[in-house]
C-alpha atoms as a PDB file:
ATOM      1  CA  UNK A   1      -1.438 -40.538 -11.805  1.00  0.00           C
ATOM      2  CA  UNK A   2       1.781 -38.411 -11.684  1.00  0.00           C
ATOM      3  CA  UNK A   3       2.480 -38.634 -15.592  1.00  0.00           C
ATOM      4  CA  UNK A   4      -1.072 -37.417 -15.813  1.00  0.00           C
ATOM      5  CA  UNK A   5      -0.709 -34.381 -13.337  1.00  0.00           C
ATOM      6  CA  UNK A   6       2.658 -33.536 -15.201  1.00  0.00           C
ATOM      7  CA  UNK A   7       0.927 -33.471 -18.399  1.00  0.00           C
ATOM      8  CA  UNK A   8      -1.815 -31.468 -17.230  1.00  0.00           C
ATOM      9  CA  UNK A   9       0.383 -29.068 -15.464  1.00  0.00           C
ATOM     10  CA  UNK A  10       2.508 -28.526 -18.779  1.00  0.00           C
ATOM     11  CA  UNK A  11      -0.273 -27.977 -20.761  1.00  0.00           C
ATOM     12  CA  UNK A  12      -1.729 -25.671 -18.407  1.00  0.00           C
ATOM     13  CA  UNK A  13       1.436 -23.613 -18.564  1.00  0.00           C
ATOM     14  CA  UNK A  14       1.517 -23.464 -22.495  1.00  0.00           C
ATOM     15  CA  UNK A  15       3.634 -26.088 -22.885  1.00  0.00           C
ATOM     16  CA  UNK A  16       3.866 -28.906 -25.564  1.00  0.00           C
ATOM     17  CA  UNK A  17       4.607 -32.744 -25.229  1.00  0.00           C
ATOM     18  CA  UNK A  18       8.278 -33.822 -26.971  1.00  0.00           C
ATOM     19  CA  UNK A  19       7.615 -37.260 -26.705  1.00  0.00           C
ATOM     20  CA  UNK A  20       6.370 -38.940 -29.958  1.00  0.00           C
ATOM     21  CA  UNK A  21       4.404 -41.915 -30.381  1.00  0.00           C
ATOM     22  CA  UNK A  22       5.403 -44.604 -32.919  1.00  0.00           C
ATOM     23  CA  UNK A  23       2.392 -45.956 -34.642  1.00  0.00           C
ATOM     24  CA  UNK A  24       1.611 -47.684 -37.716  1.00  0.00           C
ATOM     25  CA  UNK A  25       2.151 -46.385 -41.367  1.00  0.00           C
ATOM     26  CA  UNK A  26      -1.161 -46.064 -43.281  1.00  0.00           C
ATOM     27  CA  UNK A  27       0.377 -48.517 -45.659  1.00  0.00           C
ATOM     28  CA  UNK A  28       0.990 -51.113 -43.012  1.00  0.00           C
ATOM     29  CA  UNK A  29      -2.195 -50.414 -41.093  1.00  0.00           C
ATOM     30  CA  UNK A  30      -4.396 -51.058 -44.483  1.00  0.00           C
ATOM     31  CA  UNK A  31      -2.651 -54.165 -45.094  1.00  0.00           C
ATOM     32  CA  UNK A  32      -3.256 -55.183 -41.080  1.00  0.00           C
ATOM     33  CA  UNK A  33      -7.065 -54.353 -41.780  1.00  0.00           C
ATOM     34  CA  UNK A  34      -7.032 -56.360 -45.302  1.00  0.00           C
ATOM     35  CA  UNK A  35      -5.235 -59.694 -43.392  1.00  0.00           C
ATOM     36  CA  UNK A  36      -7.345 -59.793 -40.381  1.00  0.00           C
ATOM     37  CA  UNK A  37     -10.479 -59.650 -42.822  1.00  0.00           C
ATOM     38  CA  UNK A  38      -9.133 -62.376 -44.743  1.00  0.00           C
ATOM     39  CA  UNK A  39      -8.184 -64.369 -41.594  1.00  0.00           C
ATOM     40  CA  UNK A  40     -11.775 -64.388 -40.395  1.00  0.00           C
ATOM     41  CA  UNK A  41     -13.155 -65.765 -43.808  1.00  0.00           C
ATOM     42  CA  UNK A  42     -13.947 -62.374 -45.037  1.00  0.00           C
ATOM     43  CA  UNK A  43     -16.863 -62.189 -42.809  1.00  0.00           C
ATOM     44  CA  UNK A  44     -17.962 -59.110 -41.006  1.00  0.00           C
ATOM     45  CA  UNK A  45     -19.698 -55.723 -42.194  1.00  0.00           C
ATOM     46  CA  UNK A  46     -18.056 -53.840 -39.901  1.00  0.00           C
ATOM     47  CA  UNK A  47     -14.365 -54.619 -41.417  1.00  0.00           C
ATOM     48  CA  UNK A  48     -15.502 -54.071 -44.758  1.00  0.00           C
ATOM     49  CA  UNK A  49     -17.094 -50.531 -43.835  1.00  0.00           C
ATOM     50  CA  UNK A  50     -13.472 -49.664 -41.601  1.00  0.00           C
ATOM     51  CA  UNK A  51     -11.529 -50.671 -45.062  1.00  0.00           C
ATOM     52  CA  UNK A  52     -13.808 -48.441 -47.288  1.00  0.00           C
ATOM     53  CA  UNK A  53     -13.755 -45.443 -44.998  1.00  0.00           C
ATOM     54  CA  UNK A  54      -9.831 -45.820 -44.422  1.00  0.00           C
ATOM     55  CA  UNK A  55      -9.581 -45.615 -47.909  1.00  0.00           C
ATOM     56  CA  UNK A  56     -11.624 -42.460 -48.380  1.00  0.00           C
ATOM     57  CA  UNK A  57      -9.924 -40.776 -45.825  1.00  0.00           C
ATOM     58  CA  UNK A  58      -6.467 -41.832 -46.508  1.00  0.00           C
ATOM     59  CA  UNK A  59      -5.670 -43.129 -50.188  1.00  0.00           C
ATOM     60  CA  UNK A  60      -4.666 -40.012 -51.421  1.00  0.00           C
ATOM     61  CA  UNK A  61      -2.218 -39.634 -48.783  1.00  0.00           C
ATOM     62  CA  UNK A  62      -0.530 -43.235 -49.070  1.00  0.00           C
ATOM     63  CA  UNK A  63       2.122 -44.559 -50.966  1.00  0.00           C
ATOM     64  CA  UNK A  64       0.819 -46.810 -53.757  1.00  0.00           C
ATOM     65  CA  UNK A  65       4.860 -48.260 -54.417  1.00  0.00           C
ATOM     66  CA  UNK A  66       5.243 -48.733 -50.884  1.00  0.00           C
ATOM     67  CA  UNK A  67       1.938 -50.522 -50.116  1.00  0.00           C
ATOM     68  CA  UNK A  68       2.896 -52.884 -53.178  1.00  0.00           C
ATOM     69  CA  UNK A  69       6.190 -53.708 -51.777  1.00  0.00           C
ATOM     70  CA  UNK A  70       4.585 -54.133 -48.403  1.00  0.00           C
ATOM     71  CA  UNK A  71       1.996 -56.891 -50.067  1.00  0.00           C
ATOM     72  CA  UNK A  72       4.499 -58.722 -51.916  1.00  0.00           C
ATOM     73  CA  UNK A  73       7.019 -58.985 -48.864  1.00  0.00           C
ATOM     74  CA  UNK A  74       4.214 -60.349 -46.870  1.00  0.00           C
ATOM     75  CA  UNK A  75       3.196 -62.787 -49.743  1.00  0.00           C
ATOM     76  CA  UNK A  76      -0.570 -61.205 -49.406  1.00  0.00           C
ATOM     77  CA  UNK A  77      -1.099 -60.171 -53.091  1.00  0.00           C
ATOM     78  CA  UNK A  78      -3.790 -62.613 -53.518  1.00  0.00           C
ATOM     79  CA  UNK A  79      -5.597 -61.876 -50.288  1.00  0.00           C
ATOM     80  CA  UNK A  80      -5.411 -57.729 -50.467  1.00  0.00           C
ATOM     81  CA  UNK A  81      -5.961 -58.153 -54.116  1.00  0.00           C
ATOM     82  CA  UNK A  82      -9.327 -59.919 -53.255  1.00  0.00           C
ATOM     83  CA  UNK A  83     -10.091 -57.758 -50.340  1.00  0.00           C
ATOM     84  CA  UNK A  84      -9.772 -54.285 -52.399  1.00  0.00           C
ATOM     85  CA  UNK A  85     -11.380 -55.890 -55.341  1.00  0.00           C
ATOM     86  CA  UNK A  86     -14.548 -56.593 -53.397  1.00  0.00           C
ATOM     87  CA  UNK A  87     -14.399 -53.305 -51.396  1.00  0.00           C
ATOM     88  CA  UNK A  88     -14.315 -51.721 -54.872  1.00  0.00           C
ATOM     89  CA  UNK A  89     -17.442 -53.488 -56.019  1.00  0.00           C
ATOM     90  CA  UNK A  90     -19.390 -53.477 -53.110  1.00  0.00           C
ATOM     91  CA  UNK A  91     -18.728 -50.119 -51.843  1.00  0.00           C
ATOM     92  CA  UNK A  92     -17.557 -48.059 -54.792  1.00  0.00           C
ATOM     93  CA  UNK A  93     -14.206 -46.981 -53.412  1.00  0.00           C
ATOM     94  CA  UNK A  94     -11.556 -47.528 -55.611  1.00  0.00           C
ATOM     95  CA  UNK A  95      -7.397 -46.998 -55.156  1.00  0.00           C
ATOM     96  CA  UNK A  96      -5.080 -47.213 -57.959  1.00  0.00           C
ATOM     97  CA  UNK A  97      -2.756 -49.386 -56.048  1.00  0.00           C
ATOM     98  CA  UNK A  98      -5.332 -52.255 -56.227  1.00  0.00           C
ATOM     99  CA  UNK A  99      -5.244 -52.571 -60.196  1.00  0.00           C
ATOM    100  CA  UNK A 100      -2.151 -54.216 -60.663  1.00  0.00           C
ATOM    101  CA  UNK A 101      -3.375 -57.160 -58.078  1.00  0.00           C
ATOM    102  CA  UNK A 102      -6.491 -57.289 -60.265  1.00  0.00           C
ATOM    103  CA  UNK A 103      -5.534 -60.300 -62.513  1.00  0.00           C
ATOM    104  CA  UNK A 104      -7.350 -63.749 -64.096  1.00  0.00           C
ATOM    105  CA  UNK A 105      -7.072 -65.362 -60.716  1.00  0.00           C
ATOM    106  CA  UNK A 106      -7.674 -62.872 -58.021  1.00  0.00           C
ATOM    107  CA  UNK A 107     -11.133 -61.238 -59.782  1.00  0.00           C
ATOM    108  CA  UNK A 108     -12.905 -64.980 -60.140  1.00  0.00           C
ATOM    109  CA  UNK A 109     -12.225 -65.812 -56.442  1.00  0.00           C
ATOM    110  CA  UNK A 110     -13.393 -62.126 -55.569  1.00  0.00           C
ATOM    111  CA  UNK A 111     -16.594 -62.963 -57.263  1.00  0.00           C
ATOM    112  CA  UNK A 112     -17.075 -65.988 -55.265  1.00  0.00           C
ATOM    113  CA  UNK A 113     -16.535 -64.326 -51.983  1.00  0.00           C
ATOM    114  CA  UNK A 114     -18.889 -61.427 -52.657  1.00  0.00           C
ATOM    115  CA  UNK A 115     -21.683 -63.135 -50.829  1.00  0.00           C
ATOM    116  CA  UNK A 116     -19.564 -62.554 -47.850  1.00  0.00           C
ATOM    117  CA  UNK A 117     -19.562 -59.134 -47.485  1.00  0.00           C
ATOM    118  CA  UNK A 118     -22.912 -58.634 -46.511  1.00  0.00           C
ATOM    119  CA  UNK A 119     -23.174 -61.916 -44.869  1.00  0.00           C
ATOM    120  CA  UNK A 120     -23.993 -62.136 -41.022  1.00  0.00           C
ATOM    121  CA  UNK A 121     -20.675 -62.919 -38.948  1.00  0.00           C
ATOM    122  CA  UNK A 122     -19.890 -66.969 -39.243  1.00  0.00           C
ATOM    123  CA  UNK A 123     -17.888 -68.897 -36.694  1.00  0.00           C
ATOM    124  CA  UNK A 124     -15.879 -71.020 -39.232  1.00  0.00           C
ATOM    125  CA  UNK A 125     -14.570 -74.242 -38.032  1.00  0.00           C
ATOM    126  CA  UNK A 126     -10.547 -73.690 -37.415  1.00  0.00           C
ATOM    127  CA  UNK A 127      -9.526 -76.257 -39.587  1.00  0.00           C
ATOM    128  CA  UNK A 128     -11.539 -74.828 -42.519  1.00  0.00           C
ATOM    129  CA  UNK A 129     -10.036 -71.307 -41.977  1.00  0.00           C
ATOM    130  CA  UNK A 130      -6.291 -72.636 -42.133  1.00  0.00           C
ATOM    131  CA  UNK A 131      -7.315 -74.448 -45.183  1.00  0.00           C
ATOM    132  CA  UNK A 132      -8.634 -71.256 -46.607  1.00  0.00           C
ATOM    133  CA  UNK A 133      -5.660 -69.242 -45.834  1.00  0.00           C
ATOM    134  CA  UNK A 134      -3.022 -71.804 -46.950  1.00  0.00           C
ATOM    135  CA  UNK A 135      -4.852 -71.888 -50.459  1.00  0.00           C
ATOM    136  CA  UNK A 136      -5.058 -68.206 -50.773  1.00  0.00           C
ATOM    137  CA  UNK A 137      -1.143 -67.635 -50.201  1.00  0.00           C
ATOM    138  CA  UNK A 138       0.797 -66.320 -53.002  1.00  0.00           C
ATOM    139  CA  UNK A 139       2.793 -69.452 -53.858  1.00  0.00           C
ATOM    140  CA  UNK A 140       4.499 -72.698 -52.415  1.00  0.00           C
ATOM    141  CA  UNK A 141       6.825 -70.973 -50.390  1.00  0.00           C
ATOM    142  CA  UNK A 142       4.508 -68.704 -48.538  1.00  0.00           C
ATOM    143  CA  UNK A 143       2.122 -71.465 -48.089  1.00  0.00           C
ATOM    144  CA  UNK A 144       5.121 -73.534 -46.308  1.00  0.00           C
ATOM    145  CA  UNK A 145       6.332 -70.614 -44.030  1.00  0.00           C
ATOM    146  CA  UNK A 146       2.376 -70.420 -43.214  1.00  0.00           C
ATOM    147  CA  UNK A 147       2.339 -74.008 -42.167  1.00  0.00           C
ATOM    148  CA  UNK A 148       5.610 -74.046 -40.158  1.00  0.00           C
ATOM    149  CA  UNK A 149       4.331 -71.044 -38.112  1.00  0.00           C
ATOM    150  CA  UNK A 150       1.535 -73.020 -37.439  1.00  0.00           C
ATOM    151  CA  UNK A 151       3.507 -75.586 -36.027  1.00  0.00           C
ATOM    152  CA  UNK A 152       5.533 -73.364 -33.814  1.00  0.00           C
ATOM    153  CA  UNK A 153       3.606 -73.439 -30.312  1.00  0.00           C
ATOM    154  CA  UNK A 154       1.704 -70.676 -28.840  1.00  0.00           C
ATOM    155  CA  UNK A 155       1.304 -69.371 -25.380  1.00  0.00           C
ATOM    156  CA  UNK A 156      -1.430 -71.787 -24.674  1.00  0.00           C
ATOM    157  CA  UNK A 157       1.124 -74.475 -25.378  1.00  0.00           C
ATOM    158  CA  UNK A 158       4.213 -72.494 -23.430  1.00  0.00           C
ATOM    159  CA  UNK A 159       2.164 -72.077 -19.885  1.00  0.00           C
ATOM    160  CA  UNK A 160       0.461 -74.332 -17.814  1.00  0.00           C
ATOM    161  CA  UNK A 161      -2.769 -73.620 -16.116  1.00  0.00           C
ATOM    162  CA  UNK A 162      -0.792 -72.382 -12.877  1.00  0.00           C
ATOM    163  CA  UNK A 163       1.261 -69.909 -15.262  1.00  0.00           C
ATOM    164  CA  UNK A 164       4.707 -71.921 -15.179  1.00  0.00           C
ATOM    165  CA  UNK A 165       6.522 -72.183 -18.532  1.00  0.00           C
ATOM    166  CA  UNK A 166       6.636 -75.728 -19.866  1.00  0.00           C
ATOM    167  CA  UNK A 167       9.620 -77.157 -21.474  1.00  0.00           C
ATOM    168  CA  UNK A 168      10.220 -76.993 -25.466  1.00  0.00           C
ATOM    169  CA  UNK A 169       9.535 -80.899 -25.963  1.00  0.00           C
ATOM    170  CA  UNK A 170       6.351 -80.235 -23.662  1.00  0.00           C
ATOM    171  CA  UNK A 171       5.092 -77.445 -25.551  1.00  0.00           C
ATOM    172  CA  UNK A 172       5.851 -78.890 -28.771  1.00  0.00           C
ATOM    173  CA  UNK A 173       4.116 -82.433 -27.958  1.00  0.00           C
ATOM    174  CA  UNK A 174       0.924 -80.402 -26.829  1.00  0.00           C
ATOM    175  CA  UNK A 175       0.953 -78.410 -29.838  1.00  0.00           C
ATOM    176  CA  UNK A 176       1.334 -81.595 -32.237  1.00  0.00           C
ATOM    177  CA  UNK A 177      -1.537 -83.146 -30.304  1.00  0.00           C
ATOM    178  CA  UNK A 178      -3.734 -80.133 -30.862  1.00  0.00           C
ATOM    179  CA  UNK A 179      -2.867 -79.897 -34.447  1.00  0.00           C
ATOM    180  CA  UNK A 180      -3.847 -83.737 -34.867  1.00  0.00           C
ATOM    181  CA  UNK A 181      -6.997 -83.154 -33.156  1.00  0.00           C
ATOM    182  CA  UNK A 182      -7.878 -80.066 -35.347  1.00  0.00           C
ATOM    183  CA  UNK A 183      -7.077 -82.340 -38.461  1.00  0.00           C
ATOM    184  CA  UNK A 184      -9.295 -85.290 -36.934  1.00  0.00           C
ATOM    185  CA  UNK A 185     -11.977 -82.819 -36.605  1.00  0.00           C
ATOM    186  CA  UNK A 186     -11.747 -81.585 -40.158  1.00  0.00           C
ATOM    187  CA  UNK A 187     -12.037 -84.943 -41.390  1.00  0.00           C
ATOM    188  CA  UNK A 188     -15.176 -86.131 -39.385  1.00  0.00           C
ATOM    189  CA  UNK A 189     -17.622 -84.314 -41.520  1.00  0.00           C
ATOM    190  CA  UNK A 190     -16.022 -85.604 -44.765  1.00  0.00           C
ATOM    191  CA  UNK A 191     -16.069 -89.420 -43.241  1.00  0.00           C
ATOM    192  CA  UNK A 192     -19.814 -88.700 -42.069  1.00  0.00           C
ATOM    193  CA  UNK A 193     -20.409 -87.154 -45.574  1.00  0.00           C
ATOM    194  CA  UNK A 194     -19.010 -90.595 -47.236  1.00  0.00           C
ATOM    195  CA  UNK A 195     -20.907 -92.787 -45.069  1.00  0.00           C
ATOM    196  CA  UNK A 196     -24.325 -91.174 -45.856  1.00  0.00           C
ATOM    197  CA  UNK A 197     -23.369 -91.560 -49.690  1.00  0.00           C
ATOM    198  CA  UNK A 198     -22.621 -95.066 -49.198  1.00  0.00           C
ATOM    199  CA  UNK A 199     -25.828 -95.707 -47.397  1.00  0.00           C
ATOM    200  CA  UNK A 200     -28.057 -94.212 -49.985  1.00  0.00           C
END
């Protein structure tokens, strides 16, 4: 309340706010939009529309070389290439920075995922989402990094229901148990499918 009162008083007196608000650059924000959409399996028409609208508004003001560097540093060339290729194909919104990412590996995968653009949002199994994310990383090093980050405990493992912080061994053990359960859940449909084939 006190801050709001001071701001109102300053504006009423014809003053201005000297403080600056730091936020993401346009290039980083576009990278975030692309990676977030891909993390959800490219499902969600609203996200597609957001990216298309963002490019329409800001592509002329963005630094294509800086964006390409950011994509390379993040190991997301394939993911960003697929996403922006689909934006171009489905919404007619193109940006010159995308063309170097549209190689012989990206375009066939983009065509494979095209039906997801206008499909209803789907709740994919966590194991399937992680497998897809690993497969679409740019190289083996990036895939290993992703898997290594996946092994690290999150806030779910670090804190107890009462809000206390667990020890490192306890958090790591719980994380390992959850990952094992995740893998087991991914294998169950495959085992069931195998049994059905045998019964036939």
